[in-house]
Amino acid sequence: MTTQPISLCQVKEGVSCGACCGLYNVPAQGKGTLECMLRWRAEEMERTPRTFAALDAFAELVLNDVPDRVRPLPAFHHCPFLGLIGEERDRPGCLLHPEAPGNRGVDYRGLSHYGGAACRLYFCPSHYRLEDRLQRIVLQSATDWYLYGVVITEHRLLRALIQGLEGFLGRPVAAEELSSSRNGPLVRELLALKLSWPYRRGRASGVCHYVFEDGLYERPEVGCSGLQEGGSRYERIFRELESSFGSAAEMLRAEAMLDDLFLRLAAEIRTYSKWDSSSS
């Protein structure tokens, strides 16, 4: 396990996470829509005087568009001070941060919902619960903020996916094997199940994930009509993807979908891995 947390928040140009600030807790969760929303906020913030009254008015203006009642997780906050940051405005970040444009080194994060101390000191559970190699797999394969931010806080799903792959590989997988440029596309295809999973239950929260572990939003058991006994070998994956199946046959199709992904990725790893070639 990771003993000294590294930052999974601001990773590199184009890659960051704002999940604990409720970035995805909005009705329209697609990348294009979120990007437009965040860009508008960054531009509007540029025109906002750095006074308490003006910043409060900015927050009220933003939150009028995403009131509690329309959020997928109504009791989970959505921070109005999330916007695009960086020289190219290519990733989400905090518009109240002292390094954000226009703040001139002043830390305004005390005006946020959680307060300045939480913003400076809080680390989401993935910092502690994801093994170092699993963190590195996601960090090193990430090419854009949207997929990265959707999956990095999903420590249970990430662990279950890698365990599923290792079942086909027949051994533990090293981070270097999955973070290579050769295997990156298949790894991202595996992680992107979170975005495109066709068996997500009807009332699921979409890509939005409640990152805190206080029991407020527990994921329900997997639903499957007509299943006589037993569950699935992919029960944990199905639960974390908020799955529901209309029949046992539908569950079998979902299992086959995962089998195919794991088989292709395991075959690619075996072909090029120094671990397997050295033992043959």
C-alpha atoms as a PDB file:
ATOM      1  CA  MET A   1       0.000   0.000   0.000  1.00  0.00           C
ATOM      2  CA  THR A   2       1.059   3.599  -0.549  1.00  0.00           C
ATOM      3  CA  THR A   3       2.477   4.989   2.716  1.00  0.00           C
ATOM      4  CA  GLN A   4       3.256   8.560   1.613  1.00  0.00           C
ATOM      5  CA  PRO A   5       0.420   9.805  -0.589  1.00  0.00           C
ATOM      6  CA  ILE A   6       1.397  11.236  -3.912  1.00  0.00           C
ATOM      7  CA  SER A   7      -0.986  13.707  -5.473  1.00  0.00           C
ATOM      8  CA  LEU A   8      -3.550  12.134  -7.732  1.00  0.00           C
ATOM      9  CA  CYS A   9      -5.239  15.530  -8.148  1.00  0.00           C
ATOM     10  CA  GLN A  10      -3.077  17.648 -10.461  1.00  0.00           C
ATOM     11  CA  VAL A  11      -1.014  15.183 -12.482  1.00  0.00           C
ATOM     12  CA  LYS A  12       0.335  16.858 -15.607  1.00  0.00           C
ATOM     13  CA  GLU A  13      -0.732  19.105 -18.448  1.00  0.00           C
ATOM     14  CA  GLY A  14      -4.140  17.900 -19.619  1.00  0.00           C
ATOM     15  CA  VAL A  15      -4.659  15.442 -16.746  1.00  0.00           C
ATOM     16  CA  SER A  16      -6.240  16.189 -13.369  1.00  0.00           C
ATOM     17  CA  CYS A  17      -9.117  15.135 -11.142  1.00  0.00           C
ATOM     18  CA  GLY A  18     -11.908  17.185  -9.562  1.00  0.00           C
ATOM     19  CA  ALA A  19     -14.144  14.302  -8.488  1.00  0.00           C
ATOM     20  CA  CYS A  20     -14.075  15.083  -4.764  1.00  0.00           C
ATOM     21  CA  CYS A  21     -15.225  18.617  -5.617  1.00  0.00           C
ATOM     22  CA  GLY A  22     -18.271  17.148  -7.359  1.00  0.00           C
ATOM     23  CA  LEU A  23     -17.037  17.816 -10.899  1.00  0.00           C
ATOM     24  CA  TYR A  24     -19.201  15.055 -12.397  1.00  0.00           C
ATOM     25  CA  ASN A  25     -22.176  15.681 -10.101  1.00  0.00           C
ATOM     26  CA  VAL A  26     -24.129  17.564 -12.752  1.00  0.00           C
ATOM     27  CA  PRO A  27     -26.983  16.440 -15.018  1.00  0.00           C
ATOM     28  CA  ALA A  28     -24.945  16.521 -18.249  1.00  0.00           C
ATOM     29  CA  GLN A  29     -21.749  14.569 -17.603  1.00  0.00           C
ATOM     30  CA  GLY A  30     -20.185  14.291 -21.066  1.00  0.00           C
ATOM     31  CA  LYS A  31     -16.676  15.611 -21.620  1.00  0.00           C
ATOM     32  CA  GLY A  32     -17.690  18.237 -24.173  1.00  0.00           C
ATOM     33  CA  THR A  33     -20.436  19.646 -21.971  1.00  0.00           C
ATOM     34  CA  LEU A  34     -18.216  19.741 -18.893  1.00  0.00           C
ATOM     35  CA  GLU A  35     -15.404  21.349 -20.854  1.00  0.00           C
ATOM     36  CA  CYS A  36     -17.693  24.146 -22.049  1.00  0.00           C
ATOM     37  CA  MET A  37     -18.992  24.646 -18.513  1.00  0.00           C
ATOM     38  CA  LEU A  38     -15.494  24.818 -17.016  1.00  0.00           C
ATOM     39  CA  ARG A  39     -14.178  27.112 -19.735  1.00  0.00           C
ATOM     40  CA  TRP A  40     -17.058  29.552 -19.203  1.00  0.00           C
ATOM     41  CA  ARG A  41     -16.355  29.609 -15.465  1.00  0.00           C
ATOM     42  CA  ALA A  42     -12.654  30.324 -16.003  1.00  0.00           C
ATOM     43  CA  GLU A  43     -13.484  33.176 -18.363  1.00  0.00           C
ATOM     44  CA  GLU A  44     -16.161  34.567 -16.040  1.00  0.00           C
ATOM     45  CA  MET A  45     -13.767  34.352 -13.100  1.00  0.00           C
ATOM     46  CA  GLU A  46     -11.260  36.493 -14.999  1.00  0.00           C
ATOM     47  CA  ARG A  47     -13.843  39.280 -15.036  1.00  0.00           C
ATOM     48  CA  THR A  48     -14.753  38.872 -11.362  1.00  0.00           C
ATOM     49  CA  PRO A  49     -13.210  41.277  -8.814  1.00  0.00           C
ATOM     50  CA  ARG A  50     -11.454  39.515  -5.946  1.00  0.00           C
ATOM     51  CA  THR A  51     -13.817  40.719  -3.258  1.00  0.00           C
ATOM     52  CA  PHE A  52     -15.896  38.497  -0.985  1.00  0.00           C
ATOM     53  CA  ALA A  53     -19.127  39.969  -2.353  1.00  0.00           C
ATOM     54  CA  ALA A  54     -18.134  39.453  -5.979  1.00  0.00           C
ATOM     55  CA  LEU A  55     -16.908  35.884  -5.401  1.00  0.00           C
ATOM     56  CA  ASP A  56     -20.114  35.002  -3.517  1.00  0.00           C
ATOM     57  CA  ALA A  57     -22.130  36.394  -6.428  1.00  0.00           C
ATOM     58  CA  PHE A  58     -20.056  34.316  -8.839  1.00  0.00           C
ATOM     59  CA  ALA A  59     -20.782  31.149  -6.838  1.00  0.00           C
ATOM     60  CA  GLU A  60     -24.507  31.926  -6.695  1.00  0.00           C
ATOM     61  CA  LEU A  61     -24.611  32.528 -10.459  1.00  0.00           C
ATOM     62  CA  VAL A  62     -22.949  29.181 -11.149  1.00  0.00           C
ATOM     63  CA  LEU A  63     -24.968  27.127  -8.675  1.00  0.00           C
ATOM     64  CA  ASN A  64     -28.254  28.481 -10.033  1.00  0.00           C
ATOM     65  CA  ASP A  65     -27.538  26.262 -13.051  1.00  0.00           C
ATOM     66  CA  VAL A  66     -26.884  23.131 -10.957  1.00  0.00           C
ATOM     67  CA  PRO A  67     -29.150  23.269  -7.866  1.00  0.00           C
ATOM     68  CA  ASP A  68     -29.244  20.317  -5.473  1.00  0.00           C
ATOM     69  CA  ARG A  69     -32.454  18.872  -6.906  1.00  0.00           C
ATOM     70  CA  VAL A  70     -31.014  18.261 -10.381  1.00  0.00           C
ATOM     71  CA  ARG A  71     -27.732  16.678  -9.318  1.00  0.00           C
ATOM     72  CA  PRO A  72     -27.383  12.881  -9.687  1.00  0.00           C
ATOM     73  CA  LEU A  73     -26.276  12.799  -6.016  1.00  0.00           C
ATOM     74  CA  PRO A  74     -28.236  15.662  -4.397  1.00  0.00           C
ATOM     75  CA  ALA A  75     -26.471  15.484  -1.020  1.00  0.00           C
ATOM     76  CA  PHE A  76     -23.028  15.630  -2.648  1.00  0.00           C
ATOM     77  CA  HIS A  77     -21.663  19.137  -3.157  1.00  0.00           C
ATOM     78  CA  HIS A  78     -20.713  20.537  -6.551  1.00  0.00           C
ATOM     79  CA  CYS A  79     -18.097  23.278  -6.244  1.00  0.00           C
ATOM     80  CA  PRO A  80     -18.824  26.354  -8.371  1.00  0.00           C
ATOM     81  CA  PHE A  81     -15.146  27.315  -8.327  1.00  0.00           C
ATOM     82  CA  LEU A  82     -14.042  24.439 -10.548  1.00  0.00           C
ATOM     83  CA  GLY A  83     -12.786  25.714 -13.890  1.00  0.00           C
ATOM     84  CA  LEU A  84     -10.200  25.049 -16.553  1.00  0.00           C
ATOM     85  CA  ILE A  85      -6.666  25.879 -15.485  1.00  0.00           C
ATOM     86  CA  GLY A  86      -3.176  25.706 -16.947  1.00  0.00           C
ATOM     87  CA  GLU A  87      -1.521  27.763 -19.643  1.00  0.00           C
ATOM     88  CA  GLU A  88      -3.709  26.101 -22.271  1.00  0.00           C
ATOM     89  CA  ARG A  89      -6.751  25.722 -20.026  1.00  0.00           C
ATOM     90  CA  ASP A  90      -6.550  22.027 -20.609  1.00  0.00           C
ATOM     91  CA  ARG A  91      -7.585  20.492 -17.279  1.00  0.00           C
ATOM     92  CA  PRO A  92      -9.961  21.107 -14.351  1.00  0.00           C
ATOM     93  CA  GLY A  93      -8.689  22.841 -11.249  1.00  0.00           C
ATOM     94  CA  CYS A  94      -9.502  25.261  -8.456  1.00  0.00           C
ATOM     95  CA  LEU A  95     -10.128  28.864  -9.471  1.00  0.00           C
ATOM     96  CA  LEU A  96      -9.594  29.932  -5.843  1.00  0.00           C
ATOM     97  CA  HIS A  97      -6.082  28.472  -5.630  1.00  0.00           C
ATOM     98  CA  PRO A  98      -3.328  31.052  -5.020  1.00  0.00           C
ATOM     99  CA  GLU A  99      -1.640  30.039  -8.291  1.00  0.00           C
ATOM    100  CA  ALA A 100      -4.820  30.447 -10.353  1.00  0.00           C
ATOM    101  CA  PRO A 101      -4.807  33.398 -12.793  1.00  0.00           C
ATOM    102  CA  GLY A 102      -5.934  36.661 -11.240  1.00  0.00           C
ATOM    103  CA  ASN A 103      -5.429  35.601  -7.615  1.00  0.00           C
ATOM    104  CA  ARG A 104      -1.907  37.042  -7.398  1.00  0.00           C
ATOM    105  CA  GLY A 105      -0.793  34.480  -4.855  1.00  0.00           C
ATOM    106  CA  VAL A 106      -3.764  35.000  -2.533  1.00  0.00           C
ATOM    107  CA  ASP A 107      -5.446  31.806  -1.307  1.00  0.00           C
ATOM    108  CA  TYR A 108      -9.229  32.219  -1.565  1.00  0.00           C
ATOM    109  CA  ARG A 109     -10.051  28.560  -0.883  1.00  0.00           C
ATOM    110  CA  GLY A 110     -11.520  29.463   2.486  1.00  0.00           C
ATOM    111  CA  LEU A 111     -14.589  30.591   0.514  1.00  0.00           C
ATOM    112  CA  SER A 112     -15.195  27.071  -0.789  1.00  0.00           C
ATOM    113  CA  HIS A 113     -17.805  24.677   0.600  1.00  0.00           C
ATOM    114  CA  TYR A 114     -15.269  22.504   2.429  1.00  0.00           C
ATOM    115  CA  GLY A 115     -13.052  25.360   3.554  1.00  0.00           C
ATOM    116  CA  GLY A 116      -9.420  26.152   2.916  1.00  0.00           C
ATOM    117  CA  ALA A 117      -7.945  23.559   5.290  1.00  0.00           C
ATOM    118  CA  ALA A 118      -9.820  20.692   3.624  1.00  0.00           C
ATOM    119  CA  CYS A 119      -8.739  21.816   0.182  1.00  0.00           C
ATOM    120  CA  ARG A 120      -5.109  21.956   1.271  1.00  0.00           C
ATOM    121  CA  LEU A 121      -4.954  18.792   3.362  1.00  0.00           C
ATOM    122  CA  TYR A 122      -7.592  16.317   2.182  1.00  0.00           C
ATOM    123  CA  PHE A 123      -6.633  13.266   0.123  1.00  0.00           C
ATOM    124  CA  CYS A 124      -9.360  11.076  -1.362  1.00  0.00           C
ATOM    125  CA  PRO A 125      -9.434   7.363  -0.369  1.00  0.00           C
ATOM    126  CA  SER A 126      -7.617   6.307  -3.565  1.00  0.00           C
ATOM    127  CA  HIS A 127      -4.454   7.936  -2.221  1.00  0.00           C
ATOM    128  CA  TYR A 128      -4.451   5.376   0.591  1.00  0.00           C
ATOM    129  CA  ARG A 129      -6.462   2.420  -0.653  1.00  0.00           C
ATOM    130  CA  LEU A 130      -4.969   1.997  -4.119  1.00  0.00           C
ATOM    131  CA  GLU A 131      -1.699   0.111  -4.151  1.00  0.00           C
ATOM    132  CA  ASP A 132       1.210   2.020  -5.631  1.00  0.00           C
ATOM    133  CA  ARG A 133       1.258  -0.111  -8.782  1.00  0.00           C
ATOM    134  CA  LEU A 134      -2.455   0.481  -9.415  1.00  0.00           C
ATOM    135  CA  GLN A 135      -1.975   4.215  -9.011  1.00  0.00           C
ATOM    136  CA  ARG A 136       0.895   4.100 -11.511  1.00  0.00           C
ATOM    137  CA  ILE A 137      -1.124   2.064 -14.017  1.00  0.00           C
ATOM    138  CA  VAL A 138      -3.807   4.741 -14.135  1.00  0.00           C
ATOM    139  CA  LEU A 139      -1.433   7.714 -13.887  1.00  0.00           C
ATOM    140  CA  GLN A 140       0.891   6.552 -16.624  1.00  0.00           C
ATOM    141  CA  SER A 141      -1.823   5.445 -19.045  1.00  0.00           C
ATOM    142  CA  ALA A 142      -3.837   8.664 -18.651  1.00  0.00           C
ATOM    143  CA  THR A 143      -3.984  10.929 -21.697  1.00  0.00           C
ATOM    144  CA  ASP A 144      -6.916  13.195 -20.833  1.00  0.00           C
ATOM    145  CA  TRP A 145      -8.530  14.608 -17.721  1.00  0.00           C
ATOM    146  CA  TYR A 146     -12.009  13.251 -18.342  1.00  0.00           C
ATOM    147  CA  LEU A 147     -11.385   9.501 -18.248  1.00  0.00           C
ATOM    148  CA  TYR A 148      -8.676   9.912 -15.621  1.00  0.00           C
ATOM    149  CA  GLY A 149     -10.938  11.866 -13.274  1.00  0.00           C
ATOM    150  CA  VAL A 150     -13.811   9.439 -13.757  1.00  0.00           C
ATOM    151  CA  VAL A 151     -11.803   6.348 -12.773  1.00  0.00           C
ATOM    152  CA  ILE A 152      -9.025   7.366 -10.379  1.00  0.00           C
ATOM    153  CA  THR A 153     -11.336   7.588  -7.345  1.00  0.00           C
ATOM    154  CA  GLU A 154     -12.922   4.220  -8.180  1.00  0.00           C
ATOM    155  CA  HIS A 155     -10.427   2.188  -6.162  1.00  0.00           C
ATOM    156  CA  ARG A 156     -12.712  -0.837  -5.766  1.00  0.00           C
ATOM    157  CA  LEU A 157     -13.475  -0.978  -9.488  1.00  0.00           C
ATOM    158  CA  LEU A 158      -9.815  -0.519 -10.456  1.00  0.00           C
ATOM    159  CA  ARG A 159      -8.689  -3.306  -8.164  1.00  0.00           C
ATOM    160  CA  ALA A 160     -11.413  -5.647  -9.424  1.00  0.00           C
ATOM    161  CA  LEU A 161     -10.521  -4.953 -13.066  1.00  0.00           C
ATOM    162  CA  ILE A 162      -6.840  -5.675 -12.513  1.00  0.00           C
ATOM    163  CA  GLN A 163      -7.690  -8.830 -10.570  1.00  0.00           C
ATOM    164  CA  GLY A 164      -9.870  -9.937 -13.471  1.00  0.00           C
ATOM    165  CA  LEU A 165      -6.993  -9.395 -15.880  1.00  0.00           C
ATOM    166  CA  GLU A 166      -4.594 -11.282 -13.608  1.00  0.00           C
ATOM    167  CA  GLY A 167      -6.969 -14.238 -13.644  1.00  0.00           C
ATOM    168  CA  PHE A 168      -6.351 -14.564 -17.388  1.00  0.00           C
ATOM    169  CA  LEU A 169      -2.665 -13.733 -17.152  1.00  0.00           C
ATOM    170  CA  GLY A 170      -2.066 -16.277 -14.400  1.00  0.00           C
ATOM    171  CA  ARG A 171       0.162 -13.991 -12.340  1.00  0.00           C
ATOM    172  CA  PRO A 172       0.290 -10.476 -10.898  1.00  0.00           C
ATOM    173  CA  VAL A 173       0.688  -7.752 -13.483  1.00  0.00           C
ATOM    174  CA  ALA A 174       3.406  -5.136 -13.120  1.00  0.00           C
ATOM    175  CA  ALA A 175       2.599  -1.467 -13.559  1.00  0.00           C
ATOM    176  CA  GLU A 176       5.224  -1.166 -16.302  1.00  0.00           C
ATOM    177  CA  GLU A 177       3.422  -3.777 -18.384  1.00  0.00           C
ATOM    178  CA  LEU A 178       0.214  -1.775 -18.472  1.00  0.00           C
ATOM    179  CA  SER A 179       1.667   1.702 -18.626  1.00  0.00           C
ATOM    180  CA  SER A 180       3.693   1.166 -21.799  1.00  0.00           C
ATOM    181  CA  SER A 181       2.640   3.074 -24.895  1.00  0.00           C
ATOM    182  CA  ARG A 182       2.019  -0.265 -26.620  1.00  0.00           C
ATOM    183  CA  ASN A 183      -0.617  -1.386 -24.131  1.00  0.00           C
ATOM    184  CA  GLY A 184      -2.018   2.052 -23.329  1.00  0.00           C
ATOM    185  CA  PRO A 185      -4.953   1.899 -25.785  1.00  0.00           C
ATOM    186  CA  LEU A 186      -6.177  -1.435 -24.410  1.00  0.00           C
ATOM    187  CA  VAL A 187      -5.793  -0.241 -20.821  1.00  0.00           C
ATOM    188  CA  ARG A 188      -7.818   2.864 -21.627  1.00  0.00           C
ATOM    189  CA  GLU A 189     -10.444   0.683 -23.330  1.00  0.00           C
ATOM    190  CA  LEU A 190     -10.696  -1.331 -20.121  1.00  0.00           C
ATOM    191  CA  LEU A 191     -10.974   1.768 -17.935  1.00  0.00           C
ATOM    192  CA  ALA A 192     -13.494   3.322 -20.318  1.00  0.00           C
ATOM    193  CA  LEU A 193     -16.017   0.637 -19.333  1.00  0.00           C
ATOM    194  CA  LYS A 194     -16.907   3.158 -16.647  1.00  0.00           C
ATOM    195  CA  LEU A 195     -18.052   5.555 -19.384  1.00  0.00           C
ATOM    196  CA  SER A 196     -19.809   3.228 -21.790  1.00  0.00           C
ATOM    197  CA  TRP A 197     -21.022   0.260 -19.727  1.00  0.00           C
ATOM    198  CA  PRO A 198     -24.240  -0.871 -21.473  1.00  0.00           C
ATOM    199  CA  TYR A 199     -25.682  -2.678 -18.441  1.00  0.00           C
ATOM    200  CA  ARG A 200     -25.790   0.288 -16.050  1.00  0.00           C
ATOM    201  CA  ARG A 201     -29.042   0.274 -14.071  1.00  0.00           C
ATOM    202  CA  GLY A 202     -31.654   2.817 -15.049  1.00  0.00           C
ATOM    203  CA  ARG A 203     -31.453   4.992 -11.935  1.00  0.00           C
ATOM    204  CA  ALA A 204     -27.665   4.981 -11.669  1.00  0.00           C
ATOM    205  CA  SER A 205     -25.728   8.196 -11.197  1.00  0.00           C
ATOM    206  CA  GLY A 206     -23.919   7.825 -14.516  1.00  0.00           C
ATOM    207  CA  VAL A 207     -20.202   8.516 -14.369  1.00  0.00           C
ATOM    208  CA  CYS A 208     -20.601  10.458 -11.113  1.00  0.00           C
ATOM    209  CA  HIS A 209     -19.072   8.727  -8.109  1.00  0.00           C
ATOM    210  CA  TYR A 210     -19.378   9.587  -4.419  1.00  0.00           C
ATOM    211  CA  VAL A 211     -15.746   9.499  -3.348  1.00  0.00           C
ATOM    212  CA  PHE A 212     -16.210   9.745   0.428  1.00  0.00           C
ATOM    213  CA  GLU A 213     -16.597   6.650   2.585  1.00  0.00           C
ATOM    214  CA  ASP A 214     -19.267   7.707   5.037  1.00  0.00           C
ATOM    215  CA  GLY A 215     -22.001   5.371   3.789  1.00  0.00           C
ATOM    216  CA  LEU A 216     -24.142   8.123   2.283  1.00  0.00           C
ATOM    217  CA  TYR A 217     -24.307   6.621  -1.202  1.00  0.00           C
ATOM    218  CA  GLU A 218     -23.653   2.875  -1.095  1.00  0.00           C
ATOM    219  CA  ARG A 219     -23.882   1.021  -4.362  1.00  0.00           C
ATOM    220  CA  PRO A 220     -26.703  -1.529  -4.450  1.00  0.00           C
ATOM    221  CA  GLU A 221     -26.298  -5.232  -5.078  1.00  0.00           C
ATOM    222  CA  VAL A 222     -26.301  -6.357  -8.706  1.00  0.00           C
ATOM    223  CA  GLY A 223     -29.797  -6.945 -10.023  1.00  0.00           C
ATOM    224  CA  CYS A 224     -30.484  -9.887 -12.307  1.00  0.00           C
ATOM    225  CA  SER A 225     -33.951 -11.197 -13.191  1.00  0.00           C
ATOM    226  CA  GLY A 226     -34.265 -14.967 -13.490  1.00  0.00           C
ATOM    227  CA  LEU A 227     -30.938 -15.835 -11.879  1.00  0.00           C
ATOM    228  CA  GLN A 228     -31.570 -19.074 -10.005  1.00  0.00           C
ATOM    229  CA  GLU A 229     -28.522 -19.446  -7.769  1.00  0.00           C
ATOM    230  CA  GLY A 230     -25.060 -18.056  -7.325  1.00  0.00           C
ATOM    231  CA  GLY A 231     -23.762 -14.858  -8.775  1.00  0.00           C
ATOM    232  CA  SER A 232     -21.048 -13.980 -11.229  1.00  0.00           C
ATOM    233  CA  ARG A 233     -17.269 -14.258 -11.064  1.00  0.00           C
ATOM    234  CA  TYR A 234     -17.355 -10.562 -11.951  1.00  0.00           C
ATOM    235  CA  GLU A 235     -19.732  -9.626  -9.146  1.00  0.00           C
ATOM    236  CA  ARG A 236     -17.483  -6.860  -7.789  1.00  0.00           C
ATOM    237  CA  ILE A 237     -16.954  -5.306 -11.221  1.00  0.00           C
ATOM    238  CA  PHE A 238     -20.666  -5.450 -11.979  1.00  0.00           C
ATOM    239  CA  ARG A 239     -21.536  -3.822  -8.674  1.00  0.00           C
ATOM    240  CA  GLU A 240     -19.023  -0.994  -9.069  1.00  0.00           C
ATOM    241  CA  LEU A 241     -20.346  -0.369 -12.594  1.00  0.00           C
ATOM    242  CA  GLU A 242     -23.864  -0.133 -11.084  1.00  0.00           C
ATOM    243  CA  SER A 243     -25.145  -3.016 -13.197  1.00  0.00           C
ATOM    244  CA  SER A 244     -28.577  -4.490 -13.580  1.00  0.00           C
ATOM    245  CA  PHE A 245     -29.465  -7.387 -15.881  1.00  0.00           C
ATOM    246  CA  GLY A 246     -32.801  -8.313 -17.348  1.00  0.00           C
ATOM    247  CA  SER A 247     -31.909 -11.998 -17.502  1.00  0.00           C
ATOM    248  CA  ALA A 248     -29.184 -14.525 -16.768  1.00  0.00           C
ATOM    249  CA  ALA A 249     -28.405 -14.545 -20.492  1.00  0.00           C
ATOM    250  CA  GLU A 250     -27.760 -10.810 -20.384  1.00  0.00           C
ATOM    251  CA  MET A 251     -25.353 -11.305 -17.504  1.00  0.00           C
ATOM    252  CA  LEU A 252     -23.529 -13.945 -19.523  1.00  0.00           C
ATOM    253  CA  ARG A 253     -23.121 -11.445 -22.376  1.00  0.00           C
ATOM    254  CA  ALA A 254     -21.663  -8.954 -19.927  1.00  0.00           C
ATOM    255  CA  GLU A 255     -19.221 -11.596 -18.675  1.00  0.00           C
ATOM    256  CA  ALA A 256     -18.226 -12.401 -22.242  1.00  0.00           C
ATOM    257  CA  MET A 257     -17.570  -8.727 -22.881  1.00  0.00           C
ATOM    258  CA  LEU A 258     -15.146  -8.636 -19.955  1.00  0.00           C
ATOM    259  CA  ASP A 259     -13.593 -11.954 -20.960  1.00  0.00           C
ATOM    260  CA  ASP A 260     -12.800 -10.564 -24.396  1.00  0.00           C
ATOM    261  CA  LEU A 261     -11.114  -7.459 -23.003  1.00  0.00           C
ATOM    262  CA  PHE A 262      -9.083  -9.414 -20.464  1.00  0.00           C
ATOM    263  CA  LEU A 263      -8.042 -12.004 -23.048  1.00  0.00           C
ATOM    264  CA  ARG A 264      -6.835  -9.389 -25.522  1.00  0.00           C
ATOM    265  CA  LEU A 265      -4.905  -7.458 -22.923  1.00  0.00           C
ATOM    266  CA  ALA A 266      -3.365 -10.609 -21.396  1.00  0.00           C
ATOM    267  CA  ALA A 267      -2.277 -11.779 -24.850  1.00  0.00           C
ATOM    268  CA  GLU A 268      -0.661  -8.420 -25.566  1.00  0.00           C
ATOM    269  CA  ILE A 269       1.182  -8.503 -22.262  1.00  0.00           C
ATOM    270  CA  ARG A 270       2.470 -12.044 -22.835  1.00  0.00           C
ATOM    271  CA  THR A 271       3.714 -11.168 -26.317  1.00  0.00           C
ATOM    272  CA  TYR A 272       5.966  -8.340 -25.227  1.00  0.00           C
ATOM    273  CA  SER A 273       6.560  -8.852 -21.509  1.00  0.00           C
ATOM    274  CA  LYS A 274      10.104  -9.483 -20.255  1.00  0.00           C
ATOM    275  CA  TRP A 275       8.559 -11.307 -17.284  1.00  0.00           C
ATOM    276  CA  ASP A 276       7.001 -14.017 -19.455  1.00  0.00           C
ATOM    277  CA  SER A 277       9.819 -14.220 -22.007  1.00  0.00           C
ATOM    278  CA  SER A 278      12.433 -14.687 -19.277  1.00  0.00           C
ATOM    279  CA  SER A 279      10.548 -17.608 -17.756  1.00  0.00           C
ATOM    280  CA  SER A 280       9.905 -19.487 -20.994  1.00  0.00           C
END
